[in-house]
Amino acid sequence: MADRPIPEELLIQSAGPVVTAVVGTLVIGLLAQRITRRTQTRREELALRQQLVSELVEVAGSAAVALRLFERVTQDYKSGERSPDERLTKACDTIEADHYGSRVRGWVLERRLAIYFGRREINGRSSPWHRTLDTLHLLFLIETGRLFSCEENVSNMLEDIECKSPEEDVEAVLKKVSSEIVRRKYNEFLERTIHLVLTAKILIP
């Protein structure tokens, strides 16, 4: 075989390193893009989770605080130390508006959770957020003196928050249920909801 000219020989010898460098650069570029996309996705998911937790705590917390304040305002009236007056009427009107406003916002959040995490995690009455809303509504019924067995599907709500079994008589359960018991359930289900939002797989970023 005839000797190649020096320029041709140099070109052949340098072709391998050049190709390797080009391919290496392309691979590194693709990996960098993938890592960047993953990092960006994780940041977006973290921001979404933080936003949802903030909204959940704000809705549930404001409703719980409003009910606690209403309980304190009405203590004197319930004990008979004070007769019903304009102050009580105003407090009742305020808690009514606040509670049902928070309830609607809670339902909207429930739909959003179902979209982001799927029906398997947010499955209607069995989801921790739905149960959180049920505890708040039961507290509202207790504090406003409306907790009766025939009122707004109370039996099902008591079952959903694990205060009543399907076999138990609702009247017997109502005699044992107190606002403190329901508040403990509220704290439990809100914590479960937050844990779900922070750990469950997001289906739609």
C-alpha atoms as a PDB file:
ATOM      1  CA  MET A   1       0.000   0.000   0.000  1.00  0.00           C
ATOM      2  CA  ALA A   2       1.333   3.377  -1.010  1.00  0.00           C
ATOM      3  CA  ASP A   3       2.154   5.839   1.674  1.00  0.00           C
ATOM      4  CA  ARG A   4      -0.577   8.452   2.153  1.00  0.00           C
ATOM      5  CA  PRO A   5       0.281  12.102   1.880  1.00  0.00           C
ATOM      6  CA  ILE A   6       0.960  13.648   5.265  1.00  0.00           C
ATOM      7  CA  PRO A   7      -2.137  15.932   5.198  1.00  0.00           C
ATOM      8  CA  GLU A   8      -4.388  12.949   4.437  1.00  0.00           C
ATOM      9  CA  GLU A   9      -2.773  10.888   7.192  1.00  0.00           C
ATOM     10  CA  LEU A  10      -3.256  13.700   9.712  1.00  0.00           C
ATOM     11  CA  LEU A  11      -6.896  14.039   8.662  1.00  0.00           C
ATOM     12  CA  ILE A  12      -7.555  10.323   9.154  1.00  0.00           C
ATOM     13  CA  GLN A  13      -5.818  10.255  12.518  1.00  0.00           C
ATOM     14  CA  SER A  14      -7.726  13.267  13.768  1.00  0.00           C
ATOM     15  CA  ALA A  15     -11.124  12.032  12.508  1.00  0.00           C
ATOM     16  CA  GLY A  16     -11.582   9.579  15.389  1.00  0.00           C
ATOM     17  CA  PRO A  17     -11.075  12.091  18.218  1.00  0.00           C
ATOM     18  CA  VAL A  18     -13.235  14.663  16.419  1.00  0.00           C
ATOM     19  CA  VAL A  19     -16.120  12.228  15.974  1.00  0.00           C
ATOM     20  CA  THR A  20     -15.781  11.128  19.579  1.00  0.00           C
ATOM     21  CA  ALA A  21     -15.800  14.731  20.763  1.00  0.00           C
ATOM     22  CA  VAL A  22     -18.872  15.591  18.651  1.00  0.00           C
ATOM     23  CA  VAL A  23     -20.814  12.517  19.793  1.00  0.00           C
ATOM     24  CA  GLY A  24     -19.744  13.125  23.379  1.00  0.00           C
ATOM     25  CA  THR A  25     -20.906  16.728  23.199  1.00  0.00           C
ATOM     26  CA  LEU A  26     -24.279  15.660  21.788  1.00  0.00           C
ATOM     27  CA  VAL A  27     -24.759  13.004  24.499  1.00  0.00           C
ATOM     28  CA  ILE A  28     -23.792  15.424  27.249  1.00  0.00           C
ATOM     29  CA  GLY A  29     -26.146  18.020  25.767  1.00  0.00           C
ATOM     30  CA  LEU A  30     -29.051  15.559  25.702  1.00  0.00           C
ATOM     31  CA  LEU A  31     -28.351  14.446  29.266  1.00  0.00           C
ATOM     32  CA  ALA A  32     -28.124  18.054  30.406  1.00  0.00           C
ATOM     33  CA  GLN A  33     -31.469  18.831  28.765  1.00  0.00           C
ATOM     34  CA  ARG A  34     -33.082  15.806  30.395  1.00  0.00           C
ATOM     35  CA  ILE A  35     -31.707  16.716  33.816  1.00  0.00           C
ATOM     36  CA  THR A  36     -32.831  20.316  33.347  1.00  0.00           C
ATOM     37  CA  ARG A  37     -36.350  19.193  32.389  1.00  0.00           C
ATOM     38  CA  ARG A  38     -36.518  16.856  35.382  1.00  0.00           C
ATOM     39  CA  THR A  39     -35.290  19.586  37.698  1.00  0.00           C
ATOM     40  CA  GLN A  40     -37.805  22.035  36.282  1.00  0.00           C
ATOM     41  CA  THR A  41     -40.624  19.482  36.611  1.00  0.00           C
ATOM     42  CA  ARG A  42     -39.681  18.793  40.224  1.00  0.00           C
ATOM     43  CA  ARG A  43     -39.636  22.499  40.990  1.00  0.00           C
ATOM     44  CA  GLU A  44     -43.055  22.939  39.395  1.00  0.00           C
ATOM     45  CA  GLU A  45     -44.450  19.945  41.288  1.00  0.00           C
ATOM     46  CA  LEU A  46     -43.026  21.240  44.565  1.00  0.00           C
ATOM     47  CA  ALA A  47     -44.539  24.674  43.923  1.00  0.00           C
ATOM     48  CA  LEU A  48     -47.905  23.062  43.129  1.00  0.00           C
ATOM     49  CA  ARG A  49     -47.834  20.923  46.270  1.00  0.00           C
ATOM     50  CA  GLN A  50     -46.924  23.938  48.418  1.00  0.00           C
ATOM     51  CA  GLN A  51     -49.708  25.989  46.858  1.00  0.00           C
ATOM     52  CA  LEU A  52     -52.293  23.250  47.429  1.00  0.00           C
ATOM     53  CA  VAL A  53     -51.229  22.732  51.049  1.00  0.00           C
ATOM     54  CA  SER A  54     -51.410  26.485  51.639  1.00  0.00           C
ATOM     55  CA  GLU A  55     -54.934  26.660  50.225  1.00  0.00           C
ATOM     56  CA  LEU A  56     -56.100  23.569  52.118  1.00  0.00           C
ATOM     57  CA  VAL A  57     -54.795  24.875  55.433  1.00  0.00           C
ATOM     58  CA  GLU A  58     -56.220  28.346  54.776  1.00  0.00           C
ATOM     59  CA  VAL A  59     -59.720  27.047  53.957  1.00  0.00           C
ATOM     60  CA  ALA A  60     -59.868  24.470  56.739  1.00  0.00           C
ATOM     61  CA  GLY A  61     -58.069  26.608  59.299  1.00  0.00           C
ATOM     62  CA  SER A  62     -60.179  29.722  58.775  1.00  0.00           C
ATOM     63  CA  ALA A  63     -63.371  27.652  59.033  1.00  0.00           C
ATOM     64  CA  ALA A  64     -62.176  25.965  62.233  1.00  0.00           C
ATOM     65  CA  VAL A  65     -61.146  29.269  63.832  1.00  0.00           C
ATOM     66  CA  ALA A  66     -64.476  30.869  62.921  1.00  0.00           C
ATOM     67  CA  LEU A  67     -66.346  27.997  64.569  1.00  0.00           C
ATOM     68  CA  ARG A  68     -64.189  28.233  67.698  1.00  0.00           C
ATOM     69  CA  LEU A  69     -64.858  31.974  67.965  1.00  0.00           C
ATOM     70  CA  PHE A  70     -68.576  31.357  67.487  1.00  0.00           C
ATOM     71  CA  GLU A  71     -68.483  28.795  70.294  1.00  0.00           C
ATOM     72  CA  ARG A  72     -66.928  31.346  72.649  1.00  0.00           C
ATOM     73  CA  VAL A  73     -69.385  34.079  71.681  1.00  0.00           C
ATOM     74  CA  THR A  74     -72.395  31.821  72.288  1.00  0.00           C
ATOM     75  CA  GLN A  75     -71.267  30.225  75.575  1.00  0.00           C
ATOM     76  CA  ASP A  76     -73.180  32.716  77.715  1.00  0.00           C
ATOM     77  CA  TYR A  77     -76.329  32.225  75.658  1.00  0.00           C
ATOM     78  CA  LYS A  78     -76.149  28.424  75.850  1.00  0.00           C
ATOM     79  CA  SER A  79     -75.675  28.528  79.617  1.00  0.00           C
ATOM     80  CA  GLY A  80     -78.655  30.838  80.031  1.00  0.00           C
ATOM     81  CA  GLU A  81     -76.573  33.637  81.522  1.00  0.00           C
ATOM     82  CA  ARG A  82     -77.497  35.879  78.620  1.00  0.00           C
ATOM     83  CA  SER A  83     -80.741  36.169  76.674  1.00  0.00           C
ATOM     84  CA  PRO A  84     -80.758  36.083  72.868  1.00  0.00           C
ATOM     85  CA  ASP A  85     -80.150  39.535  71.445  1.00  0.00           C
ATOM     86  CA  GLU A  86     -78.873  41.343  68.357  1.00  0.00           C
ATOM     87  CA  ARG A  87     -75.301  40.265  69.109  1.00  0.00           C
ATOM     88  CA  LEU A  88     -76.285  36.602  68.934  1.00  0.00           C
ATOM     89  CA  THR A  89     -78.284  37.131  65.746  1.00  0.00           C
ATOM     90  CA  LYS A  90     -75.308  38.816  64.093  1.00  0.00           C
ATOM     91  CA  ALA A  91     -72.947  36.036  65.219  1.00  0.00           C
ATOM     92  CA  CYS A  92     -75.303  33.383  63.791  1.00  0.00           C
ATOM     93  CA  ASP A  93     -75.606  35.193  60.472  1.00  0.00           C
ATOM     94  CA  THR A  94     -71.836  35.609  60.259  1.00  0.00           C
ATOM     95  CA  ILE A  95     -70.979  31.983  61.006  1.00  0.00           C
ATOM     96  CA  GLU A  96     -73.631  30.819  58.534  1.00  0.00           C
ATOM     97  CA  ALA A  97     -72.134  32.888  55.720  1.00  0.00           C
ATOM     98  CA  ASP A  98     -68.526  32.046  56.653  1.00  0.00           C
ATOM     99  CA  HIS A  99     -69.172  28.326  56.982  1.00  0.00           C
ATOM    100  CA  TYR A 100     -70.989  27.803  53.708  1.00  0.00           C
ATOM    101  CA  GLY A 101     -68.474  30.037  51.921  1.00  0.00           C
ATOM    102  CA  SER A 102     -65.634  27.850  53.215  1.00  0.00           C
ATOM    103  CA  ARG A 103     -67.608  24.723  52.337  1.00  0.00           C
ATOM    104  CA  VAL A 104     -67.935  25.791  48.701  1.00  0.00           C
ATOM    105  CA  ARG A 105     -64.213  26.613  48.521  1.00  0.00           C
ATOM    106  CA  GLY A 106     -63.514  23.204  50.023  1.00  0.00           C
ATOM    107  CA  TRP A 107     -65.565  21.480  47.321  1.00  0.00           C
ATOM    108  CA  VAL A 108     -63.644  23.372  44.630  1.00  0.00           C
ATOM    109  CA  LEU A 109     -60.354  22.245  46.161  1.00  0.00           C
ATOM    110  CA  GLU A 110     -61.656  18.682  46.264  1.00  0.00           C
ATOM    111  CA  ARG A 111     -62.231  18.772  42.482  1.00  0.00           C
ATOM    112  CA  ARG A 112     -58.712  20.134  41.943  1.00  0.00           C
ATOM    113  CA  LEU A 113     -57.183  17.397  44.092  1.00  0.00           C
ATOM    114  CA  ALA A 114     -59.035  14.780  42.041  1.00  0.00           C
ATOM    115  CA  ILE A 115     -57.634  16.291  38.829  1.00  0.00           C
ATOM    116  CA  TYR A 116     -54.031  16.403  40.078  1.00  0.00           C
ATOM    117  CA  PHE A 117     -53.925  13.091  41.960  1.00  0.00           C
ATOM    118  CA  GLY A 118     -56.696  11.004  40.383  1.00  0.00           C
ATOM    119  CA  ARG A 119     -59.835   9.390  41.681  1.00  0.00           C
ATOM    120  CA  ARG A 120     -57.895   6.561  43.272  1.00  0.00           C
ATOM    121  CA  GLU A 121     -56.390   8.950  45.839  1.00  0.00           C
ATOM    122  CA  ILE A 122     -59.285  11.421  46.032  1.00  0.00           C
ATOM    123  CA  ASN A 123     -62.255   9.095  45.985  1.00  0.00           C
ATOM    124  CA  GLY A 124     -65.316  11.031  47.115  1.00  0.00           C
ATOM    125  CA  ARG A 125     -66.470  10.422  50.661  1.00  0.00           C
ATOM    126  CA  SER A 126     -63.497   8.211  51.536  1.00  0.00           C
ATOM    127  CA  SER A 127     -60.852  10.850  50.788  1.00  0.00           C
ATOM    128  CA  PRO A 128     -59.203  12.557  53.773  1.00  0.00           C
ATOM    129  CA  TRP A 129     -60.103  16.021  52.457  1.00  0.00           C
ATOM    130  CA  HIS A 130     -63.791  15.121  52.091  1.00  0.00           C
ATOM    131  CA  ARG A 131     -63.706  13.826  55.650  1.00  0.00           C
ATOM    132  CA  THR A 132     -62.051  17.046  56.802  1.00  0.00           C
ATOM    133  CA  LEU A 133     -64.952  18.978  55.294  1.00  0.00           C
ATOM    134  CA  ASP A 134     -67.413  16.606  56.993  1.00  0.00           C
ATOM    135  CA  THR A 135     -65.830  17.237  60.408  1.00  0.00           C
ATOM    136  CA  LEU A 136     -66.121  20.985  59.886  1.00  0.00           C
ATOM    137  CA  HIS A 137     -69.763  20.659  58.888  1.00  0.00           C
ATOM    138  CA  LEU A 138     -70.525  18.485  61.898  1.00  0.00           C
ATOM    139  CA  LEU A 139     -68.850  21.076  64.131  1.00  0.00           C
ATOM    140  CA  PHE A 140     -71.025  23.732  62.517  1.00  0.00           C
ATOM    141  CA  LEU A 141     -74.168  21.677  63.223  1.00  0.00           C
ATOM    142  CA  ILE A 142     -73.076  21.077  66.819  1.00  0.00           C
ATOM    143  CA  GLU A 143     -72.280  24.728  67.558  1.00  0.00           C
ATOM    144  CA  THR A 144     -75.487  26.007  65.929  1.00  0.00           C
ATOM    145  CA  GLY A 145     -77.661  23.403  67.665  1.00  0.00           C
ATOM    146  CA  ARG A 146     -78.665  21.605  64.464  1.00  0.00           C
ATOM    147  CA  LEU A 147     -77.045  18.209  64.967  1.00  0.00           C
ATOM    148  CA  PHE A 148     -80.037  15.895  64.603  1.00  0.00           C
ATOM    149  CA  SER A 149     -80.207  12.408  63.110  1.00  0.00           C
ATOM    150  CA  CYS A 150     -82.388  13.592  60.231  1.00  0.00           C
ATOM    151  CA  GLU A 151     -80.280  16.671  59.428  1.00  0.00           C
ATOM    152  CA  GLU A 152     -78.229  16.685  56.217  1.00  0.00           C
ATOM    153  CA  ASN A 153     -77.232  13.022  56.138  1.00  0.00           C
ATOM    154  CA  VAL A 154     -75.627  13.142  59.569  1.00  0.00           C
ATOM    155  CA  SER A 155     -75.460   9.354  59.885  1.00  0.00           C
ATOM    156  CA  ASN A 156     -73.291   9.011  56.763  1.00  0.00           C
ATOM    157  CA  MET A 157     -70.998  11.835  57.847  1.00  0.00           C
ATOM    158  CA  LEU A 158     -70.467  10.227  61.251  1.00  0.00           C
ATOM    159  CA  GLU A 159     -69.558   6.964  59.506  1.00  0.00           C
ATOM    160  CA  ASP A 160     -67.203   8.757  57.107  1.00  0.00           C
ATOM    161  CA  ILE A 161     -65.237  10.346  59.955  1.00  0.00           C
ATOM    162  CA  GLU A 162     -65.107   7.011  61.797  1.00  0.00           C
ATOM    163  CA  CYS A 163     -67.318   8.021  64.709  1.00  0.00           C
ATOM    164  CA  LYS A 164     -70.063   5.524  63.876  1.00  0.00           C
ATOM    165  CA  SER A 165     -70.224   2.015  62.448  1.00  0.00           C
ATOM    166  CA  PRO A 166     -72.941   1.097  59.921  1.00  0.00           C
ATOM    167  CA  GLU A 167     -74.613  -1.113  62.539  1.00  0.00           C
ATOM    168  CA  GLU A 168     -74.780   1.544  65.276  1.00  0.00           C
ATOM    169  CA  ASP A 169     -77.909   3.573  65.928  1.00  0.00           C
ATOM    170  CA  VAL A 170     -77.338   7.189  64.986  1.00  0.00           C
ATOM    171  CA  GLU A 171     -79.315   8.487  67.982  1.00  0.00           C
ATOM    172  CA  ALA A 172     -77.084   6.562  70.377  1.00  0.00           C
ATOM    173  CA  VAL A 173     -73.953   7.881  68.658  1.00  0.00           C
ATOM    174  CA  LEU A 174     -75.194  11.488  68.792  1.00  0.00           C
ATOM    175  CA  LYS A 175     -75.435  11.240  72.560  1.00  0.00           C
ATOM    176  CA  LYS A 176     -71.720  10.421  72.743  1.00  0.00           C
ATOM    177  CA  VAL A 177     -70.370  12.746  70.050  1.00  0.00           C
ATOM    178  CA  SER A 178     -68.913  16.045  71.233  1.00  0.00           C
ATOM    179  CA  SER A 179     -67.206  18.976  69.564  1.00  0.00           C
ATOM    180  CA  GLU A 180     -63.870  17.868  71.058  1.00  0.00           C
ATOM    181  CA  ILE A 181     -64.166  14.404  69.521  1.00  0.00           C
ATOM    182  CA  VAL A 182     -64.997  15.895  66.125  1.00  0.00           C
ATOM    183  CA  ARG A 183     -62.114  18.396  66.405  1.00  0.00           C
ATOM    184  CA  ARG A 184     -59.670  15.556  66.981  1.00  0.00           C
ATOM    185  CA  LYS A 185     -61.015  13.905  63.841  1.00  0.00           C
ATOM    186  CA  TYR A 186     -60.662  17.210  61.991  1.00  0.00           C
ATOM    187  CA  ASN A 187     -56.968  17.428  62.929  1.00  0.00           C
ATOM    188  CA  GLU A 188     -56.412  13.802  61.955  1.00  0.00           C
ATOM    189  CA  PHE A 189     -57.989  14.069  58.499  1.00  0.00           C
ATOM    190  CA  LEU A 190     -56.367  17.403  57.716  1.00  0.00           C
ATOM    191  CA  GLU A 191     -52.966  15.887  58.520  1.00  0.00           C
ATOM    192  CA  ARG A 192     -53.782  12.925  56.254  1.00  0.00           C
ATOM    193  CA  THR A 193     -54.740  15.313  53.463  1.00  0.00           C
ATOM    194  CA  ILE A 194     -51.491  17.263  53.742  1.00  0.00           C
ATOM    195  CA  HIS A 195     -49.465  14.034  53.745  1.00  0.00           C
ATOM    196  CA  LEU A 196     -51.276  12.875  50.592  1.00  0.00           C
ATOM    197  CA  VAL A 197     -50.649  16.155  48.785  1.00  0.00           C
ATOM    198  CA  LEU A 198     -46.947  16.095  49.695  1.00  0.00           C
ATOM    199  CA  THR A 199     -46.308  12.448  48.791  1.00  0.00           C
ATOM    200  CA  ALA A 200     -48.826  11.188  46.200  1.00  0.00           C
ATOM    201  CA  LYS A 201     -47.887  11.046  42.538  1.00  0.00           C
ATOM    202  CA  ILE A 202     -49.110  14.024  40.524  1.00  0.00           C
ATOM    203  CA  LEU A 203     -50.893  12.898  37.369  1.00  0.00           C
ATOM    204  CA  ILE A 204     -51.256  16.322  35.734  1.00  0.00           C
ATOM    205  CA  PRO A 205     -48.415  18.812  36.390  1.00  0.00           C
END
